[in-house]
Amino acid sequence: MKSTSLSRPLAGLTLVAALATASPLWAQTAVDESPSAGAMVGDLLVARPIGLVMAAGGTAAWIVSLPFTLLAGHAGEAAEALMVGPVETTFLRCLGCLQTGYTYKDIERNRARREAAEAQAAD
């Protein structure tokens, strides 16, 4: 089957268009800090168990690769990629959130609690 002279540029244009439209969609979902109930349930039942398995598997892979990474001088980088990343993704993000770490709501709540405790201790 012969391809026409137009099929290659058309395929390239289609690929560029697909990548250009997907990028804003990823950026839009990554900013959401108020996940829906469905996202929370899906995270609890699917993503967290997979993350736990990945963290355990990454730890095992890091232990197996440790002699080689020590010789190369990159044991810390291997630990970061194989162990720390999956552990942070599994345990250090809110239920249903896409970003690892505390949300602004958690920081404000902790700051208010700390200020209330300091005010109470001062009295």
C-alpha atoms as a PDB file:
ATOM      1  CA  MET A   1       0.000   0.000   0.000  1.00  0.00           C
ATOM      2  CA  LYS A   2       1.521   3.271  -1.098  1.00  0.00           C
ATOM      3  CA  SER A   3       1.125   6.319   1.061  1.00  0.00           C
ATOM      4  CA  THR A   4       0.287   9.627  -0.438  1.00  0.00           C
ATOM      5  CA  SER A   5       2.537  12.631  -0.114  1.00  0.00           C
ATOM      6  CA  LEU A   6      -0.053  14.223   2.169  1.00  0.00           C
ATOM      7  CA  SER A   7      -0.329  11.412   4.741  1.00  0.00           C
ATOM      8  CA  ARG A   8       2.951  12.103   6.568  1.00  0.00           C
ATOM      9  CA  PRO A   9       2.388  15.812   7.182  1.00  0.00           C
ATOM     10  CA  LEU A  10      -1.209  15.068   8.142  1.00  0.00           C
ATOM     11  CA  ALA A  11      -0.074  12.475  10.696  1.00  0.00           C
ATOM     12  CA  GLY A  12       2.426  14.942  12.140  1.00  0.00           C
ATOM     13  CA  LEU A  13      -0.175  17.671  12.342  1.00  0.00           C
ATOM     14  CA  THR A  14      -2.583  15.302  14.093  1.00  0.00           C
ATOM     15  CA  LEU A  15       0.081  14.391  16.649  1.00  0.00           C
ATOM     16  CA  VAL A  16       0.920  18.033  17.355  1.00  0.00           C
ATOM     17  CA  ALA A  17      -2.769  18.903  17.717  1.00  0.00           C
ATOM     18  CA  ALA A  18      -3.349  16.010  20.120  1.00  0.00           C
ATOM     19  CA  LEU A  19      -0.396  17.005  22.294  1.00  0.00           C
ATOM     20  CA  ALA A  20      -1.378  20.665  22.268  1.00  0.00           C
ATOM     21  CA  THR A  21      -4.927  19.961  23.416  1.00  0.00           C
ATOM     22  CA  ALA A  22      -3.931  17.426  26.078  1.00  0.00           C
ATOM     23  CA  SER A  23      -1.490  19.727  27.879  1.00  0.00           C
ATOM     24  CA  PRO A  24      -4.058  22.337  29.024  1.00  0.00           C
ATOM     25  CA  LEU A  25      -6.321  19.543  30.232  1.00  0.00           C
ATOM     26  CA  TRP A  26      -3.572  18.157  32.455  1.00  0.00           C
ATOM     27  CA  ALA A  27      -2.781  21.605  33.816  1.00  0.00           C
ATOM     28  CA  GLN A  28      -6.445  22.241  34.583  1.00  0.00           C
ATOM     29  CA  THR A  29      -6.921  19.050  36.609  1.00  0.00           C
ATOM     30  CA  ALA A  30      -3.637  19.438  38.483  1.00  0.00           C
ATOM     31  CA  VAL A  31      -4.751  22.721  40.093  1.00  0.00           C
ATOM     32  CA  ASP A  32      -7.977  21.318  41.590  1.00  0.00           C
ATOM     33  CA  GLU A  33      -7.728  21.175  45.379  1.00  0.00           C
ATOM     34  CA  SER A  34     -11.367  20.240  46.028  1.00  0.00           C
ATOM     35  CA  PRO A  35     -11.804  16.717  44.689  1.00  0.00           C
ATOM     36  CA  SER A  36     -15.234  15.220  44.241  1.00  0.00           C
ATOM     37  CA  ALA A  37     -16.544  12.296  46.271  1.00  0.00           C
ATOM     38  CA  GLY A  38     -16.038  10.008  43.267  1.00  0.00           C
ATOM     39  CA  ALA A  39     -12.395  11.056  43.001  1.00  0.00           C
ATOM     40  CA  MET A  40     -11.911  10.377  46.707  1.00  0.00           C
ATOM     41  CA  VAL A  41     -13.483   6.914  46.499  1.00  0.00           C
ATOM     42  CA  GLY A  42     -11.462   6.060  43.394  1.00  0.00           C
ATOM     43  CA  ASP A  43      -8.299   7.247  45.086  1.00  0.00           C
ATOM     44  CA  LEU A  44      -9.039   5.224  48.208  1.00  0.00           C
ATOM     45  CA  LEU A  45      -9.966   2.001  46.433  1.00  0.00           C
ATOM     46  CA  VAL A  46      -7.645   2.079  43.409  1.00  0.00           C
ATOM     47  CA  ALA A  47      -4.788   4.580  43.571  1.00  0.00           C
ATOM     48  CA  ARG A  48      -3.711   4.119  47.197  1.00  0.00           C
ATOM     49  CA  PRO A  49      -3.407   0.312  47.021  1.00  0.00           C
ATOM     50  CA  ILE A  50      -1.485   0.604  43.745  1.00  0.00           C
ATOM     51  CA  GLY A  51       0.758   3.218  45.362  1.00  0.00           C
ATOM     52  CA  LEU A  52       1.382   0.940  48.330  1.00  0.00           C
ATOM     53  CA  VAL A  53       2.394  -1.901  46.015  1.00  0.00           C
ATOM     54  CA  MET A  54       4.621   0.477  44.036  1.00  0.00           C
ATOM     55  CA  ALA A  55       6.279   1.717  47.224  1.00  0.00           C
ATOM     56  CA  ALA A  56       6.989  -1.848  48.376  1.00  0.00           C
ATOM     57  CA  GLY A  57       8.209  -2.877  44.918  1.00  0.00           C
ATOM     58  CA  GLY A  58      10.339   0.253  44.630  1.00  0.00           C
ATOM     59  CA  THR A  59      11.924  -0.464  47.993  1.00  0.00           C
ATOM     60  CA  ALA A  60      12.739  -4.021  46.893  1.00  0.00           C
ATOM     61  CA  ALA A  61      14.153  -2.754  43.592  1.00  0.00           C
ATOM     62  CA  TRP A  62      16.235  -0.155  45.420  1.00  0.00           C
ATOM     63  CA  ILE A  63      17.702  -2.805  47.740  1.00  0.00           C
ATOM     64  CA  VAL A  64      18.562  -5.028  44.773  1.00  0.00           C
ATOM     65  CA  SER A  65      20.141  -2.132  42.862  1.00  0.00           C
ATOM     66  CA  LEU A  66      21.968  -0.697  45.892  1.00  0.00           C
ATOM     67  CA  PRO A  67      25.403  -2.248  45.208  1.00  0.00           C
ATOM     68  CA  PHE A  68      25.374  -0.891  41.668  1.00  0.00           C
ATOM     69  CA  THR A  69      24.065   2.556  42.561  1.00  0.00           C
ATOM     70  CA  LEU A  70      26.609   2.877  45.379  1.00  0.00           C
ATOM     71  CA  LEU A  71      29.418   2.127  42.935  1.00  0.00           C
ATOM     72  CA  ALA A  72      28.048   4.707  40.516  1.00  0.00           C
ATOM     73  CA  GLY A  73      27.447   7.246  43.285  1.00  0.00           C
ATOM     74  CA  HIS A  74      23.725   7.628  42.618  1.00  0.00           C
ATOM     75  CA  ALA A  75      22.136   5.759  45.523  1.00  0.00           C
ATOM     76  CA  GLY A  76      20.317   8.884  46.688  1.00  0.00           C
ATOM     77  CA  GLU A  77      18.792   9.519  43.280  1.00  0.00           C
ATOM     78  CA  ALA A  78      17.699   5.888  43.037  1.00  0.00           C
ATOM     79  CA  ALA A  79      16.131   6.061  46.505  1.00  0.00           C
ATOM     80  CA  GLU A  80      14.298   9.252  45.556  1.00  0.00           C
ATOM     81  CA  ALA A  81      12.875   7.737  42.384  1.00  0.00           C
ATOM     82  CA  LEU A  82      12.134   4.213  43.612  1.00  0.00           C
ATOM     83  CA  MET A  83      11.092   4.748  47.244  1.00  0.00           C
ATOM     84  CA  VAL A  84      10.452   8.354  48.227  1.00  0.00           C
ATOM     85  CA  GLY A  85       8.325   9.280  45.204  1.00  0.00           C
ATOM     86  CA  PRO A  86       5.814   6.415  45.568  1.00  0.00           C
ATOM     87  CA  VAL A  87       5.671   6.844  49.362  1.00  0.00           C
ATOM     88  CA  GLU A  88       4.943  10.574  49.038  1.00  0.00           C
ATOM     89  CA  THR A  89       2.321   9.945  46.387  1.00  0.00           C
ATOM     90  CA  THR A  90       0.663   7.258  48.518  1.00  0.00           C
ATOM     91  CA  PHE A  91       0.777   8.862  51.961  1.00  0.00           C
ATOM     92  CA  LEU A  92       1.404  12.614  51.620  1.00  0.00           C
ATOM     93  CA  ARG A  93      -1.494  13.906  49.560  1.00  0.00           C
ATOM     94  CA  CYS A  94      -5.115  14.504  50.364  1.00  0.00           C
ATOM     95  CA  LEU A  95      -7.672  11.902  49.354  1.00  0.00           C
ATOM     96  CA  GLY A  96      -8.577  12.491  45.714  1.00  0.00           C
ATOM     97  CA  CYS A  97      -5.957  15.217  45.162  1.00  0.00           C
ATOM     98  CA  LEU A  98      -3.451  15.017  42.348  1.00  0.00           C
ATOM     99  CA  GLN A  99      -0.670  17.072  43.926  1.00  0.00           C
ATOM    100  CA  THR A 100       1.542  15.711  46.670  1.00  0.00           C
ATOM    101  CA  GLY A 101       1.766  17.685  49.894  1.00  0.00           C
ATOM    102  CA  TYR A 102      -0.535  19.705  52.027  1.00  0.00           C
ATOM    103  CA  THR A 103      -3.237  21.853  50.526  1.00  0.00           C
ATOM    104  CA  TYR A 104      -3.625  25.475  51.496  1.00  0.00           C
ATOM    105  CA  LYS A 105      -6.647  24.524  53.607  1.00  0.00           C
ATOM    106  CA  ASP A 106      -4.544  22.229  55.784  1.00  0.00           C
ATOM    107  CA  ILE A 107      -1.905  24.894  56.305  1.00  0.00           C
ATOM    108  CA  GLU A 108      -4.497  27.494  57.342  1.00  0.00           C
ATOM    109  CA  ARG A 109      -6.219  25.039  59.696  1.00  0.00           C
ATOM    110  CA  ASN A 110      -2.905  24.109  61.364  1.00  0.00           C
ATOM    111  CA  ARG A 111      -1.901  27.771  61.662  1.00  0.00           C
ATOM    112  CA  ALA A 112      -5.235  28.640  63.316  1.00  0.00           C
ATOM    113  CA  ARG A 113      -4.873  25.730  65.760  1.00  0.00           C
ATOM    114  CA  ARG A 114      -1.331  26.779  66.630  1.00  0.00           C
ATOM    115  CA  GLU A 115      -2.368  30.401  67.195  1.00  0.00           C
ATOM    116  CA  ALA A 116      -5.302  29.296  69.352  1.00  0.00           C
ATOM    117  CA  ALA A 117      -3.030  27.064  71.434  1.00  0.00           C
ATOM    118  CA  GLU A 118      -0.499  29.887  71.864  1.00  0.00           C
ATOM    119  CA  ALA A 119      -3.252  32.319  72.878  1.00  0.00           C
ATOM    120  CA  GLN A 120      -4.634  29.811  75.363  1.00  0.00           C
ATOM    121  CA  ALA A 121      -1.155  29.163  76.803  1.00  0.00           C
ATOM    122  CA  ALA A 122      -0.569  32.914  77.183  1.00  0.00           C
ATOM    123  CA  ASP A 123      -3.750  33.314  79.274  1.00  0.00           C
END
